[in-house]
C-alpha atoms as a PDB file:
ATOM      1  CA  MET A   1      51.577 -96.229  49.171  1.00  0.00           C
ATOM      2  CA  HIS A   2      53.140 -92.576  49.460  1.00  0.00           C
ATOM      3  CA  MET A   3      51.229 -89.643  49.746  1.00  0.00           C
ATOM      4  CA  ARG A   4      52.088 -85.912  50.561  1.00  0.00           C
ATOM      5  CA  ILE A   5      50.576 -82.872  51.153  1.00  0.00           C
ATOM      6  CA  GLU A   6      52.150 -80.099  49.095  1.00  0.00           C
ATOM      7  CA  LEU A   7      49.316 -78.110  48.724  1.00  0.00           C
ATOM      8  CA  ILE A   8      46.812 -76.018  50.653  1.00  0.00           C
ATOM      9  CA  PRO A   9      44.207 -74.010  49.322  1.00  0.00           C
ATOM     10  CA  LEU A  10      42.901 -70.704  51.557  1.00  0.00           C
ATOM     11  CA  PRO A  11      39.433 -68.715  51.448  1.00  0.00           C
ATOM     12  CA  VAL A  12      40.517 -65.219  51.180  1.00  0.00           C
ATOM     13  CA  SER A  13      38.257 -62.128  50.995  1.00  0.00           C
ATOM     14  CA  ASP A  14      41.521 -59.696  49.591  1.00  0.00           C
ATOM     15  CA  VAL A  15      44.205 -61.466  47.114  1.00  0.00           C
ATOM     16  CA  ASP A  16      46.541 -58.336  47.513  1.00  0.00           C
ATOM     17  CA  ARG A  17      45.654 -57.710  50.886  1.00  0.00           C
ATOM     18  CA  SER A  18      46.440 -61.553  51.760  1.00  0.00           C
ATOM     19  CA  LYS A  19      49.519 -61.424  49.486  1.00  0.00           C
ATOM     20  CA  ARG A  20      50.989 -58.385  51.475  1.00  0.00           C
ATOM     21  CA  PHE A  21      50.035 -60.464  55.002  1.00  0.00           C
ATOM     22  CA  TYR A  22      51.480 -63.829  54.058  1.00  0.00           C
ATOM     23  CA  THR A  23      54.831 -62.371  52.385  1.00  0.00           C
ATOM     24  CA  ASP A  24      55.700 -58.805  54.633  1.00  0.00           C
ATOM     25  CA  VAL A  25      53.989 -60.168  58.037  1.00  0.00           C
ATOM     26  CA  ALA A  26      54.529 -64.013  58.149  1.00  0.00           C
ATOM     27  CA  GLY A  27      57.701 -64.120  55.924  1.00  0.00           C
ATOM     28  CA  PHE A  28      56.551 -66.541  53.190  1.00  0.00           C
ATOM     29  CA  ASP A  29      58.238 -66.827  50.045  1.00  0.00           C
ATOM     30  CA  LEU A  30      55.953 -65.510  46.878  1.00  0.00           C
ATOM     31  CA  ASP A  31      56.724 -68.720  44.469  1.00  0.00           C
ATOM     32  CA  HIS A  32      53.689 -67.361  41.767  1.00  0.00           C
ATOM     33  CA  ASP A  33      51.059 -64.700  41.180  1.00  0.00           C
ATOM     34  CA  VAL A  34      49.587 -65.835  37.743  1.00  0.00           C
ATOM     35  CA  GLN A  35      46.525 -64.976  35.809  1.00  0.00           C
ATOM     36  CA  PRO A  36      45.844 -67.874  33.237  1.00  0.00           C
ATOM     37  CA  GLY A  37      42.999 -66.057  31.916  1.00  0.00           C
ATOM     38  CA  ASN A  38      39.403 -65.986  32.553  1.00  0.00           C
ATOM     39  CA  GLY A  39      39.201 -64.007  35.571  1.00  0.00           C
ATOM     40  CA  MET A  40      41.450 -66.450  36.863  1.00  0.00           C
ATOM     41  CA  ARG A  41      44.028 -64.921  39.380  1.00  0.00           C
ATOM     42  CA  ILE A  42      46.614 -67.738  41.252  1.00  0.00           C
ATOM     43  CA  VAL A  43      49.122 -66.489  44.336  1.00  0.00           C
ATOM     44  CA  GLN A  44      50.489 -69.461  46.108  1.00  0.00           C
ATOM     45  CA  LEU A  45      53.405 -69.030  48.496  1.00  0.00           C
ATOM     46  CA  THR A  46      55.211 -71.452  50.479  1.00  0.00           C
ATOM     47  CA  PRO A  47      56.645 -71.187  54.401  1.00  0.00           C
ATOM     48  CA  PRO A  48      60.605 -70.693  54.287  1.00  0.00           C
ATOM     49  CA  GLY A  49      62.099 -74.589  54.758  1.00  0.00           C
ATOM     50  CA  SER A  50      58.676 -76.444  53.697  1.00  0.00           C
ATOM     51  CA  SER A  51      57.918 -78.178  50.929  1.00  0.00           C
ATOM     52  CA  CYS A  52      54.306 -77.780  51.711  1.00  0.00           C
ATOM     53  CA  SER A  53      52.203 -74.402  50.036  1.00  0.00           C
ATOM     54  CA  ILE A  54      49.331 -72.381  50.010  1.00  0.00           C
ATOM     55  CA  ALA A  55      47.555 -71.023  47.436  1.00  0.00           C
ATOM     56  CA  PHE A  56      44.437 -68.452  47.047  1.00  0.00           C
ATOM     57  CA  GLY A  57      42.972 -66.077  44.843  1.00  0.00           C
ATOM     58  CA  THR A  58      40.270 -65.394  41.990  1.00  0.00           C
ATOM     59  CA  GLY A  59      37.879 -67.729  40.033  1.00  0.00           C
ATOM     60  CA  MET A  60      39.413 -70.315  42.127  1.00  0.00           C
ATOM     61  CA  GLY A  61      36.412 -71.442  43.757  1.00  0.00           C
ATOM     62  CA  GLY A  62      35.860 -71.567  47.597  1.00  0.00           C
ATOM     63  CA  ASP A  63      34.562 -68.155  49.649  1.00  0.00           C
ATOM     64  CA  PRO A  64      35.422 -66.931  53.183  1.00  0.00           C
ATOM     65  CA  ALA A  65      31.527 -67.118  53.696  1.00  0.00           C
ATOM     66  CA  ASP A  66      32.447 -70.900  53.329  1.00  0.00           C
ATOM     67  CA  GLY A  67      34.638 -70.985  56.633  1.00  0.00           C
ATOM     68  CA  THR A  68      37.710 -70.671  57.568  1.00  0.00           C
ATOM     69  CA  VAL A  69      40.714 -73.007  57.732  1.00  0.00           C
ATOM     70  CA  ARG A  70      42.107 -73.186  61.341  1.00  0.00           C
ATOM     71  CA  GLY A  71      45.382 -75.405  63.135  1.00  0.00           C
ATOM     72  CA  ILE A  72      47.095 -75.697  60.464  1.00  0.00           C
ATOM     73  CA  HIS A  73      50.489 -76.208  61.706  1.00  0.00           C
ATOM     74  CA  LEU A  74      53.687 -75.077  61.224  1.00  0.00           C
ATOM     75  CA  VAL A  75      56.501 -76.809  62.926  1.00  0.00           C
ATOM     76  CA  VAL A  76      59.667 -74.585  63.762  1.00  0.00           C
ATOM     77  CA  ASP A  77      62.905 -74.981  65.927  1.00  0.00           C
ATOM     78  CA  ASP A  78      63.080 -72.342  67.520  1.00  0.00           C
ATOM     79  CA  MET A  79      59.946 -71.078  68.954  1.00  0.00           C
ATOM     80  CA  ARG A  80      61.241 -67.682  70.770  1.00  0.00           C
ATOM     81  CA  SER A  81      62.561 -66.511  67.666  1.00  0.00           C
ATOM     82  CA  VAL A  82      59.725 -66.994  65.117  1.00  0.00           C
ATOM     83  CA  CYS A  83      57.541 -65.605  67.784  1.00  0.00           C
ATOM     84  CA  ALA A  84      59.575 -62.509  67.338  1.00  0.00           C
ATOM     85  CA  GLU A  85      60.156 -62.207  64.210  1.00  0.00           C
ATOM     86  CA  LEU A  86      56.380 -62.778  63.317  1.00  0.00           C
ATOM     87  CA  ILE A  87      55.490 -59.912  66.294  1.00  0.00           C
ATOM     88  CA  GLY A  88      58.000 -57.461  64.569  1.00  0.00           C
ATOM     89  CA  ARG A  89      56.583 -57.804  61.732  1.00  0.00           C
ATOM     90  CA  GLY A  90      52.863 -57.211  62.802  1.00  0.00           C
ATOM     91  CA  ALA A  91      51.675 -60.257  63.654  1.00  0.00           C
ATOM     92  CA  ALA A  92      49.367 -60.967  66.588  1.00  0.00           C
ATOM     93  CA  VAL A  93      50.553 -63.870  67.639  1.00  0.00           C
ATOM     94  CA  SER A  94      49.287 -65.476  71.211  1.00  0.00           C
ATOM     95  CA  GLU A  95      51.330 -66.101  74.318  1.00  0.00           C
ATOM     96  CA  VAL A  96      53.546 -69.097  74.149  1.00  0.00           C
ATOM     97  CA  THR A  97      51.849 -72.445  75.755  1.00  0.00           C
ATOM     98  CA  ASP A  98      54.281 -75.764  77.230  1.00  0.00           C
ATOM     99  CA  MET A  99      52.393 -78.681  76.580  1.00  0.00           C
ATOM    100  CA  GLY A 100      54.563 -80.969  78.240  1.00  0.00           C
ATOM    101  CA  GLY A 101      57.697 -79.932  76.238  1.00  0.00           C
ATOM    102  CA  ILE A 102      56.237 -79.375  73.155  1.00  0.00           C
ATOM    103  CA  LEU A 103      55.494 -75.582  72.513  1.00  0.00           C
ATOM    104  CA  PHE A 104      52.549 -73.887  70.915  1.00  0.00           C
ATOM    105  CA  ALA A 105      51.520 -70.311  69.864  1.00  0.00           C
ATOM    106  CA  SER A 106      49.488 -69.193  67.217  1.00  0.00           C
ATOM    107  CA  PHE A 107      48.211 -66.513  64.681  1.00  0.00           C
ATOM    108  CA  ALA A 108      45.928 -65.198  62.128  1.00  0.00           C
ATOM    109  CA  ASP A 109      46.009 -64.379  58.572  1.00  0.00           C
ATOM    110  CA  PRO A 110      43.109 -60.896  58.164  1.00  0.00           C
ATOM    111  CA  ASP A 111      40.312 -63.194  56.950  1.00  0.00           C
ATOM    112  CA  GLY A 112      40.959 -65.675  60.430  1.00  0.00           C
ATOM    113  CA  ASN A 113      42.457 -68.276  58.649  1.00  0.00           C
ATOM    114  CA  SER A 114      44.478 -69.632  61.667  1.00  0.00           C
ATOM    115  CA  TRP A 115      48.085 -71.122  61.952  1.00  0.00           C
ATOM    116  CA  VAL A 116      49.721 -72.876  65.008  1.00  0.00           C
ATOM    117  CA  LEU A 117      52.853 -73.109  65.713  1.00  0.00           C
ATOM    118  CA  GLN A 118      55.095 -76.324  67.065  1.00  0.00           C
ATOM    119  CA  GLN A 119      57.981 -76.570  68.762  1.00  0.00           C
ATOM    120  CA  LEU A 120      58.192 -80.725  69.380  1.00  0.00           C
ATOM    121  CA  GLY A 121      60.518 -81.088  72.681  1.00  0.00           C
END
């Protein structure tokens, strides 16, 4: 058996605000922003270098009131430079924590969906 995670849907309250956060602050690449009809809008973005994307929009089901997605891991090669870039773009990034040679830091989007940056030793 072979399985891959390629898309994670996120609940957001404001599609345009979230799109700006993920492109301008988090630095994700915009893959699609489409409106296939019936009031549906789908925005898909991919972190630089990743094969897994996120998606949010309207008419997709899910609602931020249903809860937020927490702790999605983004594995990075250089924690300090990634944190500096995110902070420079306006993200509120936590302090870096060293857990026995593995570094962690975190940030969240405007709806509270949280991300963990991880640098393996």
